[in-house]
N, C-alpha and C. Protein backbone atom coordinates (compact mmCIF):
# COMPACT_ATOMS: atom_id res chain seq x y z
N MET A 1 -37.12 129.40 168.30
CA MET A 1 -36.93 130.22 169.49
C MET A 1 -38.05 131.24 169.63
N ASP A 2 -38.56 131.38 170.85
CA ASP A 2 -39.60 132.36 171.15
C ASP A 2 -38.93 133.71 171.41
N LYS A 3 -39.09 134.64 170.50
CA LYS A 3 -38.37 135.92 170.58
C LYS A 3 -38.85 136.82 171.70
N GLU A 4 -40.04 136.52 172.28
CA GLU A 4 -40.57 137.35 173.36
C GLU A 4 -40.39 136.70 174.73
N ARG A 5 -39.76 135.53 174.78
CA ARG A 5 -39.55 134.83 176.05
C ARG A 5 -38.07 134.86 176.40
N PHE A 6 -37.76 135.44 177.55
CA PHE A 6 -36.37 135.63 177.96
C PHE A 6 -36.10 134.93 179.29
N THR A 7 -34.96 134.27 179.35
CA THR A 7 -34.43 133.77 180.61
C THR A 7 -33.38 134.76 181.11
N ILE A 8 -33.51 135.17 182.36
CA ILE A 8 -32.54 136.06 182.99
C ILE A 8 -31.78 135.24 184.03
N LEU A 9 -30.47 135.14 183.87
CA LEU A 9 -29.64 134.38 184.80
C LEU A 9 -29.14 135.29 185.90
N LEU A 10 -29.60 135.03 187.13
CA LEU A 10 -29.27 135.84 188.29
C LEU A 10 -28.32 135.08 189.22
N GLY A 11 -27.86 135.75 190.27
CA GLY A 11 -26.77 135.22 191.07
C GLY A 11 -27.12 134.25 192.16
N GLY A 12 -28.41 133.98 192.41
CA GLY A 12 -28.80 133.06 193.47
C GLY A 12 -28.49 131.61 193.13
N ASP A 13 -28.67 130.75 194.11
CA ASP A 13 -28.40 129.32 193.91
C ASP A 13 -29.40 128.71 192.94
N VAL A 14 -28.93 127.72 192.18
CA VAL A 14 -29.78 127.02 191.22
C VAL A 14 -29.51 125.52 191.29
N THR A 15 -30.57 124.74 191.30
CA THR A 15 -30.49 123.29 191.15
C THR A 15 -31.04 122.94 189.78
N VAL A 16 -30.22 122.32 188.95
CA VAL A 16 -30.65 122.00 187.59
C VAL A 16 -31.58 120.79 187.63
N THR A 17 -32.79 120.97 187.13
CA THR A 17 -33.80 119.92 187.08
C THR A 17 -34.37 119.83 185.67
N ASP A 18 -35.02 118.73 185.38
CA ASP A 18 -35.67 118.59 184.06
C ASP A 18 -36.75 119.65 183.88
N ARG A 19 -37.46 119.97 184.94
CA ARG A 19 -38.52 120.98 184.86
C ARG A 19 -37.92 122.35 184.53
N LEU A 20 -36.80 122.68 185.15
CA LEU A 20 -36.14 123.95 184.87
C LEU A 20 -35.60 123.99 183.45
N LYS A 21 -34.98 122.91 183.00
CA LYS A 21 -34.46 122.87 181.63
C LYS A 21 -35.59 123.05 180.61
N ALA A 22 -36.72 122.43 180.87
CA ALA A 22 -37.86 122.56 179.96
C ALA A 22 -38.38 123.99 179.96
N ALA A 23 -38.37 124.64 181.11
CA ALA A 23 -38.89 126.01 181.21
C ALA A 23 -38.06 127.00 180.41
N VAL A 24 -36.74 126.81 180.38
CA VAL A 24 -35.87 127.79 179.72
C VAL A 24 -35.54 127.41 178.28
N ALA A 25 -35.94 126.22 177.85
CA ALA A 25 -35.61 125.77 176.49
C ALA A 25 -36.19 126.73 175.45
N ASN A 26 -35.39 127.00 174.43
CA ASN A 26 -35.81 127.84 173.28
C ASN A 26 -36.15 129.27 173.67
N SER A 27 -35.58 129.74 174.77
CA SER A 27 -35.76 131.14 175.15
C SER A 27 -34.50 131.93 174.82
N ARG A 28 -34.64 133.24 174.73
CA ARG A 28 -33.49 134.11 174.64
C ARG A 28 -32.93 134.31 176.04
N VAL A 29 -31.63 134.57 176.14
CA VAL A 29 -30.98 134.56 177.45
C VAL A 29 -30.12 135.80 177.65
N ILE A 30 -30.27 136.41 178.83
CA ILE A 30 -29.39 137.49 179.26
C ILE A 30 -28.87 137.13 180.65
N ALA A 31 -27.57 137.24 180.84
CA ALA A 31 -26.95 136.93 182.13
C ALA A 31 -26.63 138.21 182.89
N ALA A 32 -26.84 138.17 184.19
CA ALA A 32 -26.49 139.28 185.07
C ALA A 32 -25.30 138.87 185.93
N ASP A 33 -24.16 139.45 185.65
CA ASP A 33 -22.94 139.26 186.45
C ASP A 33 -22.68 137.77 186.72
N GLY A 34 -22.56 137.38 188.00
CA GLY A 34 -22.21 136.01 188.34
C GLY A 34 -23.27 134.99 187.99
N GLY A 35 -24.46 135.44 187.59
CA GLY A 35 -25.49 134.51 187.13
C GLY A 35 -25.07 133.74 185.89
N MET A 36 -24.01 134.21 185.22
CA MET A 36 -23.51 133.51 184.04
C MET A 36 -23.07 132.09 184.37
N ARG A 37 -22.74 131.83 185.64
CA ARG A 37 -22.29 130.48 186.00
C ARG A 37 -23.37 129.43 185.79
N HIS A 38 -24.63 129.84 185.67
CA HIS A 38 -25.73 128.89 185.45
C HIS A 38 -25.89 128.53 183.97
N ALA A 39 -25.24 129.27 183.08
CA ALA A 39 -25.47 129.07 181.64
C ALA A 39 -25.06 127.68 181.19
N ALA A 40 -23.83 127.29 181.48
CA ALA A 40 -23.33 125.99 181.00
C ALA A 40 -24.12 124.82 181.57
N PRO A 41 -24.39 124.76 182.88
CA PRO A 41 -25.17 123.64 183.40
C PRO A 41 -26.56 123.52 182.79
N LEU A 42 -27.13 124.65 182.35
CA LEU A 42 -28.46 124.63 181.75
C LEU A 42 -28.41 124.52 180.23
N GLY A 43 -27.21 124.46 179.67
CA GLY A 43 -27.07 124.35 178.22
C GLY A 43 -27.50 125.59 177.48
N LEU A 44 -27.28 126.76 178.09
CA LEU A 44 -27.72 128.03 177.51
C LEU A 44 -26.53 128.87 177.06
N ARG A 45 -26.76 129.69 176.04
CA ARG A 45 -25.75 130.64 175.59
C ARG A 45 -26.38 132.03 175.56
N PRO A 46 -26.04 132.89 176.51
CA PRO A 46 -26.64 134.23 176.54
C PRO A 46 -26.25 135.07 175.33
N GLU A 47 -27.16 135.95 174.94
CA GLU A 47 -26.87 136.91 173.88
C GLU A 47 -26.26 138.19 174.45
N LEU A 48 -26.34 138.34 175.79
CA LEU A 48 -25.80 139.54 176.43
C LEU A 48 -25.44 139.20 177.88
N TRP A 49 -24.36 139.84 178.36
CA TRP A 49 -23.89 139.66 179.73
C TRP A 49 -23.71 141.04 180.34
N VAL A 50 -24.50 141.37 181.34
CA VAL A 50 -24.47 142.72 181.91
C VAL A 50 -24.02 142.69 183.37
N GLY A 51 -23.58 143.85 183.86
CA GLY A 51 -23.25 143.98 185.27
C GLY A 51 -21.94 144.68 185.51
N ASP A 52 -21.59 144.77 186.80
CA ASP A 52 -20.29 145.35 187.15
C ASP A 52 -19.22 144.27 187.24
N PHE A 53 -19.63 143.00 187.12
CA PHE A 53 -18.73 141.84 187.06
C PHE A 53 -17.92 141.66 188.35
N ASP A 54 -18.47 142.13 189.46
CA ASP A 54 -17.78 141.95 190.73
C ASP A 54 -17.96 140.55 191.30
N SER A 55 -18.96 139.82 190.81
CA SER A 55 -19.18 138.45 191.30
C SER A 55 -18.91 137.41 190.22
N ALA A 56 -18.28 137.83 189.13
CA ALA A 56 -17.89 136.90 188.06
C ALA A 56 -16.40 136.60 188.20
N SER A 57 -16.07 135.33 188.39
CA SER A 57 -14.67 134.94 188.57
C SER A 57 -13.89 135.09 187.27
N GLU A 58 -12.58 135.12 187.41
CA GLU A 58 -11.72 135.19 186.22
C GLU A 58 -11.96 133.98 185.32
N GLU A 59 -12.14 132.83 185.95
CA GLU A 59 -12.41 131.61 185.18
C GLU A 59 -13.71 131.73 184.39
N LEU A 60 -14.74 132.30 185.01
CA LEU A 60 -16.02 132.47 184.31
C LEU A 60 -15.88 133.48 183.18
N LEU A 61 -15.18 134.56 183.43
CA LEU A 61 -14.97 135.57 182.38
C LEU A 61 -14.23 134.99 181.19
N ASN A 62 -13.25 134.15 181.47
CA ASN A 62 -12.46 133.55 180.38
C ASN A 62 -13.23 132.47 179.63
N ALA A 63 -14.25 131.89 180.28
CA ALA A 63 -15.00 130.79 179.65
C ALA A 63 -15.97 131.28 178.59
N TRP A 64 -16.33 132.58 178.63
CA TRP A 64 -17.32 133.11 177.69
C TRP A 64 -16.78 134.36 176.98
N PRO A 65 -15.69 134.23 176.24
CA PRO A 65 -15.08 135.42 175.63
C PRO A 65 -15.89 136.02 174.50
N ASP A 66 -16.77 135.24 173.90
CA ASP A 66 -17.49 135.70 172.70
C ASP A 66 -18.87 136.27 172.99
N VAL A 67 -19.31 136.22 174.25
CA VAL A 67 -20.61 136.78 174.60
C VAL A 67 -20.47 138.29 174.79
N THR A 68 -21.34 139.05 174.16
CA THR A 68 -21.30 140.51 174.27
C THR A 68 -21.48 140.93 175.72
N ARG A 69 -20.58 141.81 176.19
CA ARG A 69 -20.64 142.29 177.57
C ARG A 69 -21.04 143.76 177.60
N GLN A 70 -21.86 144.07 178.57
CA GLN A 70 -22.30 145.46 178.77
C GLN A 70 -21.98 145.83 180.21
N PRO A 71 -20.80 146.40 180.45
CA PRO A 71 -20.37 146.68 181.82
C PRO A 71 -21.02 147.92 182.42
N TYR A 72 -21.19 147.88 183.73
CA TYR A 72 -21.72 149.01 184.49
C TYR A 72 -20.82 149.23 185.70
N PRO A 73 -20.73 150.45 186.19
CA PRO A 73 -19.92 150.69 187.40
C PRO A 73 -20.55 150.04 188.63
N ALA A 74 -19.71 149.72 189.60
CA ALA A 74 -20.22 149.10 190.83
C ALA A 74 -21.15 150.05 191.57
N ALA A 75 -20.86 151.35 191.51
CA ALA A 75 -21.71 152.35 192.17
C ALA A 75 -22.82 152.76 191.21
N LYS A 76 -23.97 152.08 191.31
CA LYS A 76 -25.09 152.36 190.42
C LYS A 76 -26.38 152.29 191.22
N ALA A 77 -27.45 152.81 190.63
CA ALA A 77 -28.71 152.97 191.37
C ALA A 77 -29.60 151.74 191.34
N VAL A 78 -29.28 150.74 190.52
CA VAL A 78 -30.10 149.55 190.40
C VAL A 78 -29.21 148.31 190.43
N THR A 79 -29.82 147.15 190.64
CA THR A 79 -29.06 145.90 190.66
C THR A 79 -28.75 145.43 189.25
N ASP A 80 -27.77 144.52 189.15
CA ASP A 80 -27.46 143.92 187.86
C ASP A 80 -28.67 143.18 187.30
N GLY A 81 -29.45 142.56 188.18
CA GLY A 81 -30.63 141.84 187.73
C GLY A 81 -31.66 142.76 187.10
N GLU A 82 -31.88 143.92 187.70
CA GLU A 82 -32.84 144.86 187.13
C GLU A 82 -32.34 145.40 185.79
N ILE A 83 -31.03 145.60 185.68
CA ILE A 83 -30.45 146.01 184.39
C ILE A 83 -30.72 144.95 183.34
N ALA A 84 -30.51 143.68 183.70
CA ALA A 84 -30.73 142.58 182.75
C ALA A 84 -32.19 142.52 182.30
N VAL A 85 -33.11 142.69 183.25
CA VAL A 85 -34.53 142.69 182.90
C VAL A 85 -34.85 143.86 181.98
N SER A 86 -34.31 145.03 182.27
CA SER A 86 -34.55 146.20 181.42
C SER A 86 -34.06 145.96 180.00
N GLU A 87 -32.92 145.30 179.87
CA GLU A 87 -32.41 144.97 178.54
C GLU A 87 -33.35 144.02 177.82
N ALA A 88 -33.88 143.03 178.55
CA ALA A 88 -34.82 142.09 177.93
C ALA A 88 -36.08 142.81 177.46
N LEU A 89 -36.58 143.72 178.28
CA LEU A 89 -37.79 144.47 177.90
C LEU A 89 -37.53 145.33 176.68
N SER A 90 -36.34 145.91 176.59
CA SER A 90 -36.02 146.74 175.43
C SER A 90 -35.91 145.91 174.15
N ARG A 91 -35.71 144.60 174.31
CA ARG A 91 -35.59 143.69 173.17
C ARG A 91 -36.90 142.97 172.88
N GLY A 92 -37.99 143.38 173.54
CA GLY A 92 -39.30 142.85 173.21
C GLY A 92 -39.82 141.76 174.11
N ALA A 93 -39.24 141.59 175.29
CA ALA A 93 -39.68 140.52 176.19
C ALA A 93 -41.11 140.72 176.65
N HIS A 94 -41.87 139.63 176.65
CA HIS A 94 -43.21 139.62 177.26
C HIS A 94 -43.28 138.58 178.38
N THR A 95 -42.46 137.53 178.25
CA THR A 95 -42.37 136.49 179.27
C THR A 95 -40.96 136.47 179.82
N LEU A 96 -40.83 136.44 181.15
CA LEU A 96 -39.53 136.44 181.80
C LEU A 96 -39.44 135.26 182.76
N ILE A 97 -38.33 134.53 182.68
CA ILE A 97 -38.02 133.45 183.63
C ILE A 97 -36.76 133.88 184.36
N LEU A 98 -36.89 134.21 185.63
CA LEU A 98 -35.76 134.71 186.41
C LEU A 98 -35.13 133.53 187.16
N VAL A 99 -34.03 133.03 186.61
CA VAL A 99 -33.34 131.86 187.16
C VAL A 99 -32.30 132.33 188.18
N GLY A 100 -32.32 131.73 189.37
CA GLY A 100 -31.41 132.17 190.42
C GLY A 100 -31.96 133.35 191.19
N ALA A 101 -33.27 133.55 191.11
CA ALA A 101 -33.91 134.69 191.78
C ALA A 101 -34.28 134.40 193.22
N LEU A 102 -34.25 133.13 193.63
CA LEU A 102 -34.70 132.73 194.96
C LEU A 102 -33.55 132.08 195.72
N GLY A 103 -33.51 132.26 197.01
CA GLY A 103 -32.50 131.62 197.82
C GLY A 103 -31.13 132.27 197.69
N GLY A 104 -30.10 131.55 198.12
CA GLY A 104 -28.76 132.09 198.10
C GLY A 104 -28.44 132.86 199.37
N ALA A 105 -27.27 133.47 199.39
CA ALA A 105 -26.79 134.16 200.59
C ALA A 105 -27.42 135.53 200.79
N ARG A 106 -28.01 136.10 199.73
CA ARG A 106 -28.52 137.47 199.79
C ARG A 106 -30.04 137.47 199.83
N SER A 107 -30.60 137.41 201.04
CA SER A 107 -32.06 137.44 201.17
C SER A 107 -32.63 138.79 200.74
N ASP A 108 -31.81 139.85 200.81
CA ASP A 108 -32.29 141.15 200.34
C ASP A 108 -32.55 141.13 198.84
N HIS A 109 -31.64 140.47 198.10
CA HIS A 109 -31.85 140.34 196.66
C HIS A 109 -33.06 139.47 196.36
N ALA A 110 -33.20 138.36 197.08
CA ALA A 110 -34.33 137.46 196.83
C ALA A 110 -35.66 138.17 197.07
N LEU A 111 -35.74 138.95 198.15
CA LEU A 111 -36.98 139.68 198.43
C LEU A 111 -37.23 140.74 197.36
N GLN A 112 -36.17 141.43 196.94
CA GLN A 112 -36.34 142.44 195.90
C GLN A 112 -36.84 141.81 194.61
N HIS A 113 -36.34 140.62 194.28
CA HIS A 113 -36.79 139.94 193.07
C HIS A 113 -38.29 139.64 193.14
N LEU A 114 -38.77 139.22 194.30
CA LEU A 114 -40.19 138.93 194.45
C LEU A 114 -41.04 140.19 194.28
N LEU A 115 -40.61 141.27 194.91
CA LEU A 115 -41.34 142.53 194.79
C LEU A 115 -41.30 143.06 193.36
N TYR A 116 -40.14 142.95 192.73
CA TYR A 116 -39.98 143.42 191.35
C TYR A 116 -40.86 142.61 190.41
N ALA A 117 -40.97 141.30 190.67
CA ALA A 117 -41.81 140.44 189.83
C ALA A 117 -43.26 140.88 189.90
N VAL A 118 -43.74 141.24 191.08
CA VAL A 118 -45.11 141.72 191.21
C VAL A 118 -45.29 143.02 190.43
N ALA A 119 -44.31 143.92 190.54
CA ALA A 119 -44.39 145.18 189.80
C ALA A 119 -44.40 144.95 188.29
N LEU A 120 -43.60 144.01 187.82
CA LEU A 120 -43.58 143.69 186.39
C LEU A 120 -44.90 143.05 185.95
N ALA A 121 -45.46 142.19 186.80
CA ALA A 121 -46.74 141.56 186.46
C ALA A 121 -47.84 142.61 186.36
N GLU A 122 -47.76 143.66 187.16
CA GLU A 122 -48.74 144.73 187.08
C GLU A 122 -48.65 145.47 185.74
N ARG A 123 -47.53 145.35 185.08
CA ARG A 123 -47.35 145.95 183.75
C ARG A 123 -47.76 144.99 182.63
N GLY A 124 -48.27 143.81 183.01
CA GLY A 124 -48.78 142.87 182.02
C GLY A 124 -47.80 141.82 181.57
N LEU A 125 -46.66 141.71 182.24
CA LEU A 125 -45.66 140.71 181.88
C LEU A 125 -45.93 139.39 182.58
N ASP A 126 -45.55 138.30 181.92
CA ASP A 126 -45.69 136.95 182.47
C ASP A 126 -44.36 136.60 183.14
N ILE A 127 -44.37 136.41 184.46
CA ILE A 127 -43.13 136.28 185.22
C ILE A 127 -43.11 134.98 186.01
N THR A 128 -41.99 134.26 185.93
CA THR A 128 -41.72 133.12 186.80
C THR A 128 -40.33 133.30 187.40
N LEU A 129 -40.21 133.08 188.70
CA LEU A 129 -38.92 133.08 189.37
C LEU A 129 -38.62 131.65 189.79
N THR A 130 -37.37 131.23 189.69
CA THR A 130 -37.07 129.84 190.00
C THR A 130 -35.63 129.64 190.48
N SER A 131 -35.49 128.66 191.35
CA SER A 131 -34.16 128.18 191.75
C SER A 131 -33.97 126.74 191.29
N GLY A 132 -34.95 126.21 190.59
CA GLY A 132 -34.96 124.79 190.25
C GLY A 132 -35.75 124.00 191.28
N GLU A 133 -35.46 124.22 192.55
CA GLU A 133 -36.20 123.55 193.63
C GLU A 133 -37.46 124.31 194.01
N GLU A 134 -37.41 125.63 193.90
CA GLU A 134 -38.56 126.48 194.22
C GLU A 134 -38.94 127.33 193.01
N GLU A 135 -40.22 127.65 192.92
CA GLU A 135 -40.72 128.53 191.87
C GLU A 135 -41.66 129.55 192.49
N ALA A 136 -41.78 130.70 191.85
CA ALA A 136 -42.69 131.74 192.34
C ALA A 136 -43.33 132.44 191.16
N GLN A 137 -44.61 132.79 191.33
CA GLN A 137 -45.34 133.57 190.34
C GLN A 137 -46.21 134.60 191.04
N PRO A 138 -46.25 135.83 190.52
CA PRO A 138 -47.11 136.85 191.12
C PRO A 138 -48.58 136.48 190.98
N LEU A 139 -49.35 136.86 191.99
CA LEU A 139 -50.81 136.68 191.97
C LEU A 139 -51.45 138.04 192.17
N LEU A 140 -52.13 138.51 191.14
CA LEU A 140 -52.81 139.81 191.14
C LEU A 140 -54.30 139.60 190.91
N PRO A 141 -55.12 140.63 191.05
CA PRO A 141 -56.55 140.46 190.77
C PRO A 141 -56.79 139.86 189.39
N GLY A 142 -57.63 138.82 189.36
CA GLY A 142 -57.85 138.05 188.15
C GLY A 142 -57.66 136.58 188.47
N SER A 143 -57.26 135.80 187.48
CA SER A 143 -57.09 134.36 187.68
C SER A 143 -55.70 133.91 187.25
N LEU A 144 -55.26 132.81 187.82
CA LEU A 144 -53.94 132.24 187.52
C LEU A 144 -54.02 130.74 187.69
N ASN A 145 -53.51 129.99 186.70
CA ASN A 145 -53.38 128.55 186.80
C ASN A 145 -51.90 128.19 186.84
N VAL A 146 -51.51 127.35 187.79
CA VAL A 146 -50.12 126.93 187.92
C VAL A 146 -50.08 125.41 187.88
N ASP A 147 -49.36 124.86 186.92
CA ASP A 147 -49.28 123.41 186.75
C ASP A 147 -48.21 122.85 187.68
N LEU A 148 -48.62 122.07 188.66
CA LEU A 148 -47.71 121.52 189.66
C LEU A 148 -47.98 120.03 189.85
N PRO A 149 -46.96 119.26 190.22
CA PRO A 149 -47.15 117.83 190.42
C PRO A 149 -48.05 117.53 191.62
N ALA A 150 -48.79 116.45 191.51
CA ALA A 150 -49.64 116.01 192.63
C ALA A 150 -48.78 115.77 193.86
N GLY A 151 -49.26 116.24 195.00
CA GLY A 151 -48.56 116.03 196.25
C GLY A 151 -47.50 117.05 196.58
N SER A 152 -47.22 117.96 195.66
CA SER A 152 -46.18 118.96 195.93
C SER A 152 -46.73 120.10 196.77
N LEU A 153 -45.82 120.79 197.43
CA LEU A 153 -46.19 121.85 198.36
C LEU A 153 -46.18 123.22 197.68
N PHE A 154 -47.05 124.10 198.15
CA PHE A 154 -47.03 125.49 197.71
C PHE A 154 -47.62 126.36 198.80
N SER A 155 -47.32 127.65 198.72
CA SER A 155 -47.86 128.63 199.66
C SER A 155 -48.25 129.89 198.89
N VAL A 156 -49.11 130.68 199.49
CA VAL A 156 -49.44 132.01 198.98
C VAL A 156 -49.04 133.02 200.05
N ALA A 157 -48.15 133.93 199.69
CA ALA A 157 -47.72 134.98 200.61
C ALA A 157 -48.29 136.31 200.14
N GLY A 158 -49.07 136.94 200.99
CA GLY A 158 -49.69 138.21 200.63
C GLY A 158 -48.76 139.37 200.89
N PHE A 159 -48.58 140.21 199.89
CA PHE A 159 -47.82 141.45 200.08
C PHE A 159 -48.73 142.59 200.53
N THR A 160 -50.05 142.32 200.52
CA THR A 160 -51.07 143.21 201.07
C THR A 160 -52.14 142.31 201.67
N ALA A 161 -53.14 142.88 202.28
CA ALA A 161 -54.34 142.11 202.59
C ALA A 161 -54.97 141.66 201.28
N LEU A 162 -55.54 140.45 201.27
CA LEU A 162 -56.15 139.89 200.07
C LEU A 162 -57.65 139.75 200.27
N GLU A 163 -58.40 140.04 199.22
CA GLU A 163 -59.85 139.89 199.25
C GLU A 163 -60.30 138.99 198.10
N GLY A 164 -61.27 138.11 198.41
CA GLY A 164 -61.84 137.26 197.37
C GLY A 164 -60.86 136.26 196.81
N LEU A 165 -60.07 135.63 197.67
CA LEU A 165 -59.07 134.65 197.24
C LEU A 165 -59.72 133.27 197.09
N ASP A 166 -59.60 132.70 195.90
CA ASP A 166 -60.01 131.32 195.64
C ASP A 166 -58.78 130.49 195.34
N ILE A 167 -58.70 129.29 195.91
CA ILE A 167 -57.64 128.33 195.58
C ILE A 167 -58.32 126.99 195.39
N GLY A 168 -58.17 126.40 194.20
CA GLY A 168 -58.84 125.15 193.89
C GLY A 168 -57.91 124.07 193.40
N ASN A 169 -58.39 122.83 193.46
CA ASN A 169 -57.64 121.63 193.08
C ASN A 169 -56.48 121.39 194.04
N VAL A 170 -56.74 121.61 195.33
CA VAL A 170 -55.73 121.45 196.37
C VAL A 170 -56.36 120.77 197.59
N ARG A 171 -55.51 120.35 198.51
CA ARG A 171 -56.00 119.67 199.71
C ARG A 171 -56.84 120.59 200.59
N TYR A 172 -56.42 121.84 200.68
CA TYR A 172 -57.13 122.81 201.52
C TYR A 172 -57.62 123.97 200.66
N PRO A 173 -58.77 123.79 200.00
CA PRO A 173 -59.27 124.83 199.10
C PRO A 173 -59.82 126.03 199.87
N LEU A 174 -59.84 127.16 199.19
CA LEU A 174 -60.43 128.37 199.75
C LEU A 174 -61.40 128.96 198.73
N LYS A 175 -62.43 129.61 199.22
CA LYS A 175 -63.42 130.24 198.35
C LYS A 175 -63.75 131.62 198.89
N ASP A 176 -63.52 132.63 198.07
CA ASP A 176 -63.85 134.02 198.42
C ASP A 176 -63.31 134.37 199.80
N PHE A 177 -62.04 134.05 200.01
CA PHE A 177 -61.42 134.18 201.33
C PHE A 177 -60.76 135.54 201.49
N ALA A 178 -60.88 136.12 202.68
CA ALA A 178 -60.20 137.37 203.01
C ALA A 178 -58.98 137.03 203.87
N LEU A 179 -57.80 137.33 203.35
CA LEU A 179 -56.55 137.02 204.04
C LEU A 179 -55.95 138.30 204.61
N ALA A 180 -55.82 138.36 205.92
CA ALA A 180 -55.22 139.53 206.55
C ALA A 180 -53.74 139.62 206.21
N PHE A 181 -53.24 140.83 206.08
CA PHE A 181 -51.82 141.01 205.80
C PHE A 181 -50.99 140.42 206.94
N GLY A 182 -50.02 139.58 206.58
CA GLY A 182 -49.18 138.94 207.57
C GLY A 182 -49.68 137.60 208.07
N SER A 183 -50.88 137.19 207.65
CA SER A 183 -51.44 135.92 208.10
C SER A 183 -50.69 134.74 207.48
N SER A 184 -50.56 133.65 208.25
CA SER A 184 -49.93 132.42 207.76
C SER A 184 -50.96 131.41 207.26
N ARG A 185 -52.20 131.82 207.11
CA ARG A 185 -53.30 130.90 206.75
C ARG A 185 -53.04 130.18 205.44
N THR A 186 -52.33 130.79 204.51
CA THR A 186 -52.14 130.20 203.18
C THR A 186 -50.73 129.64 202.99
N ILE A 187 -50.07 129.30 204.08
CA ILE A 187 -48.74 128.70 204.01
C ILE A 187 -48.87 127.18 204.09
N SER A 188 -48.18 126.47 203.19
CA SER A 188 -48.11 125.01 203.16
C SER A 188 -49.44 124.35 202.83
N ASN A 189 -49.77 124.39 201.54
CA ASN A 189 -50.90 123.65 201.00
C ASN A 189 -50.35 122.56 200.09
N VAL A 190 -51.21 121.65 199.66
CA VAL A 190 -50.77 120.49 198.88
C VAL A 190 -51.60 120.38 197.61
N VAL A 191 -50.93 120.13 196.50
CA VAL A 191 -51.57 120.04 195.19
C VAL A 191 -52.26 118.69 195.05
N ASN A 192 -53.51 118.70 194.55
CA ASN A 192 -54.21 117.45 194.28
C ASN A 192 -53.70 116.78 193.01
N GLY A 193 -53.26 117.57 192.05
CA GLY A 193 -52.80 117.04 190.77
C GLY A 193 -53.32 117.89 189.63
N GLY A 194 -52.45 118.21 188.68
CA GLY A 194 -52.85 119.08 187.58
C GLY A 194 -52.76 120.53 188.00
N PRO A 195 -53.29 121.43 187.19
CA PRO A 195 -53.17 122.86 187.50
C PRO A 195 -53.89 123.24 188.79
N VAL A 196 -53.24 124.08 189.57
CA VAL A 196 -53.87 124.70 190.73
C VAL A 196 -54.52 125.99 190.25
N HIS A 197 -55.76 126.21 190.64
CA HIS A 197 -56.52 127.37 190.17
C HIS A 197 -56.55 128.44 191.26
N PHE A 198 -56.11 129.62 190.92
CA PHE A 198 -56.15 130.77 191.83
C PHE A 198 -57.00 131.86 191.20
N SER A 199 -57.74 132.56 192.03
CA SER A 199 -58.36 133.81 191.59
C SER A 199 -58.38 134.77 192.77
N LEU A 200 -58.36 136.06 192.45
CA LEU A 200 -58.24 137.08 193.47
C LEU A 200 -59.03 138.31 193.05
N LYS A 201 -59.76 138.89 194.00
CA LYS A 201 -60.53 140.11 193.70
C LYS A 201 -59.71 141.37 193.94
N SER A 202 -58.92 141.39 195.02
CA SER A 202 -58.07 142.56 195.25
C SER A 202 -56.88 142.17 196.11
N GLY A 203 -55.78 142.89 195.89
CA GLY A 203 -54.56 142.65 196.64
C GLY A 203 -53.41 142.21 195.75
N LYS A 204 -52.27 141.97 196.38
CA LYS A 204 -51.06 141.53 195.68
C LYS A 204 -50.43 140.41 196.48
N ALA A 205 -50.03 139.35 195.78
CA ALA A 205 -49.45 138.20 196.47
C ALA A 205 -48.46 137.50 195.55
N ILE A 206 -47.79 136.52 196.12
CA ILE A 206 -46.88 135.68 195.35
C ILE A 206 -47.19 134.22 195.68
N VAL A 207 -47.22 133.38 194.66
CA VAL A 207 -47.38 131.94 194.84
C VAL A 207 -45.99 131.33 194.86
N LEU A 208 -45.64 130.66 195.95
CA LEU A 208 -44.34 130.01 196.10
C LEU A 208 -44.56 128.51 196.11
N ALA A 209 -43.93 127.81 195.16
CA ALA A 209 -44.17 126.38 195.01
C ALA A 209 -42.86 125.60 195.08
N ARG A 210 -42.97 124.36 195.55
CA ARG A 210 -41.83 123.44 195.62
C ARG A 210 -42.22 122.17 194.85
N PRO A 211 -42.05 122.17 193.53
CA PRO A 211 -42.57 121.08 192.70
C PRO A 211 -41.95 119.72 192.98
N TYR A 212 -40.77 119.68 193.60
CA TYR A 212 -40.12 118.40 193.90
C TYR A 212 -40.27 118.00 195.36
N ASP A 213 -40.95 118.81 196.14
CA ASP A 213 -41.14 118.52 197.56
C ASP A 213 -42.49 117.83 197.74
N LEU A 214 -42.44 116.52 197.93
CA LEU A 214 -43.67 115.73 198.07
C LEU A 214 -43.89 115.30 199.52
N THR A 215 -43.32 116.03 200.46
CA THR A 215 -43.45 115.65 201.87
C THR A 215 -44.88 115.78 202.37
N GLY A 216 -45.71 116.54 201.66
CA GLY A 216 -47.10 116.67 202.07
C GLY A 216 -48.02 115.66 201.44
N ALA A 217 -47.48 114.80 200.57
CA ALA A 217 -48.32 113.84 199.84
C ALA A 217 -48.89 112.77 200.77
């Protein structure tokens, strides 16, 4: 087990895939409230279960009686997911896989997860967000390689204006590109095969990928 790699189980929708199972294998696990429902389908056993438990059913609570619980009041200043991440960081996390961070009924939570991931990446943490069908990774100044299947779709969404953006090994490459804030220029690109290469001179963005979506192939 990698003691610095943590899977955080969040409340969004999850599709169990071989790629997702491989990503979370041999990681330490912390569940946030109703995100515990993803543990059994993924074959995971959390070491800690945090939250106000308002979205955990009685059946779910009864299914995991031996997992340590850390309850919080419903009226609190942060989300259950942020509490779970803080617990992982206090236990030495350097890599975080946020499962259930994308999609679901709460778009406010999904957006907060994306913004929080960028903030964590700025602190030097390695972050992946996933629903099984979609994945996201922060893109900050520097370089990033993302291993994606040939023909799969991905996009880059800028949280600021971007300067010096390179995207390589894709159908529509870019070199030293300036992306205006709010532009759709980097939405829906297609992977050629193997790692996609990103580099950025300034700005903050997120790479959103659909590894099982081959409609662009």
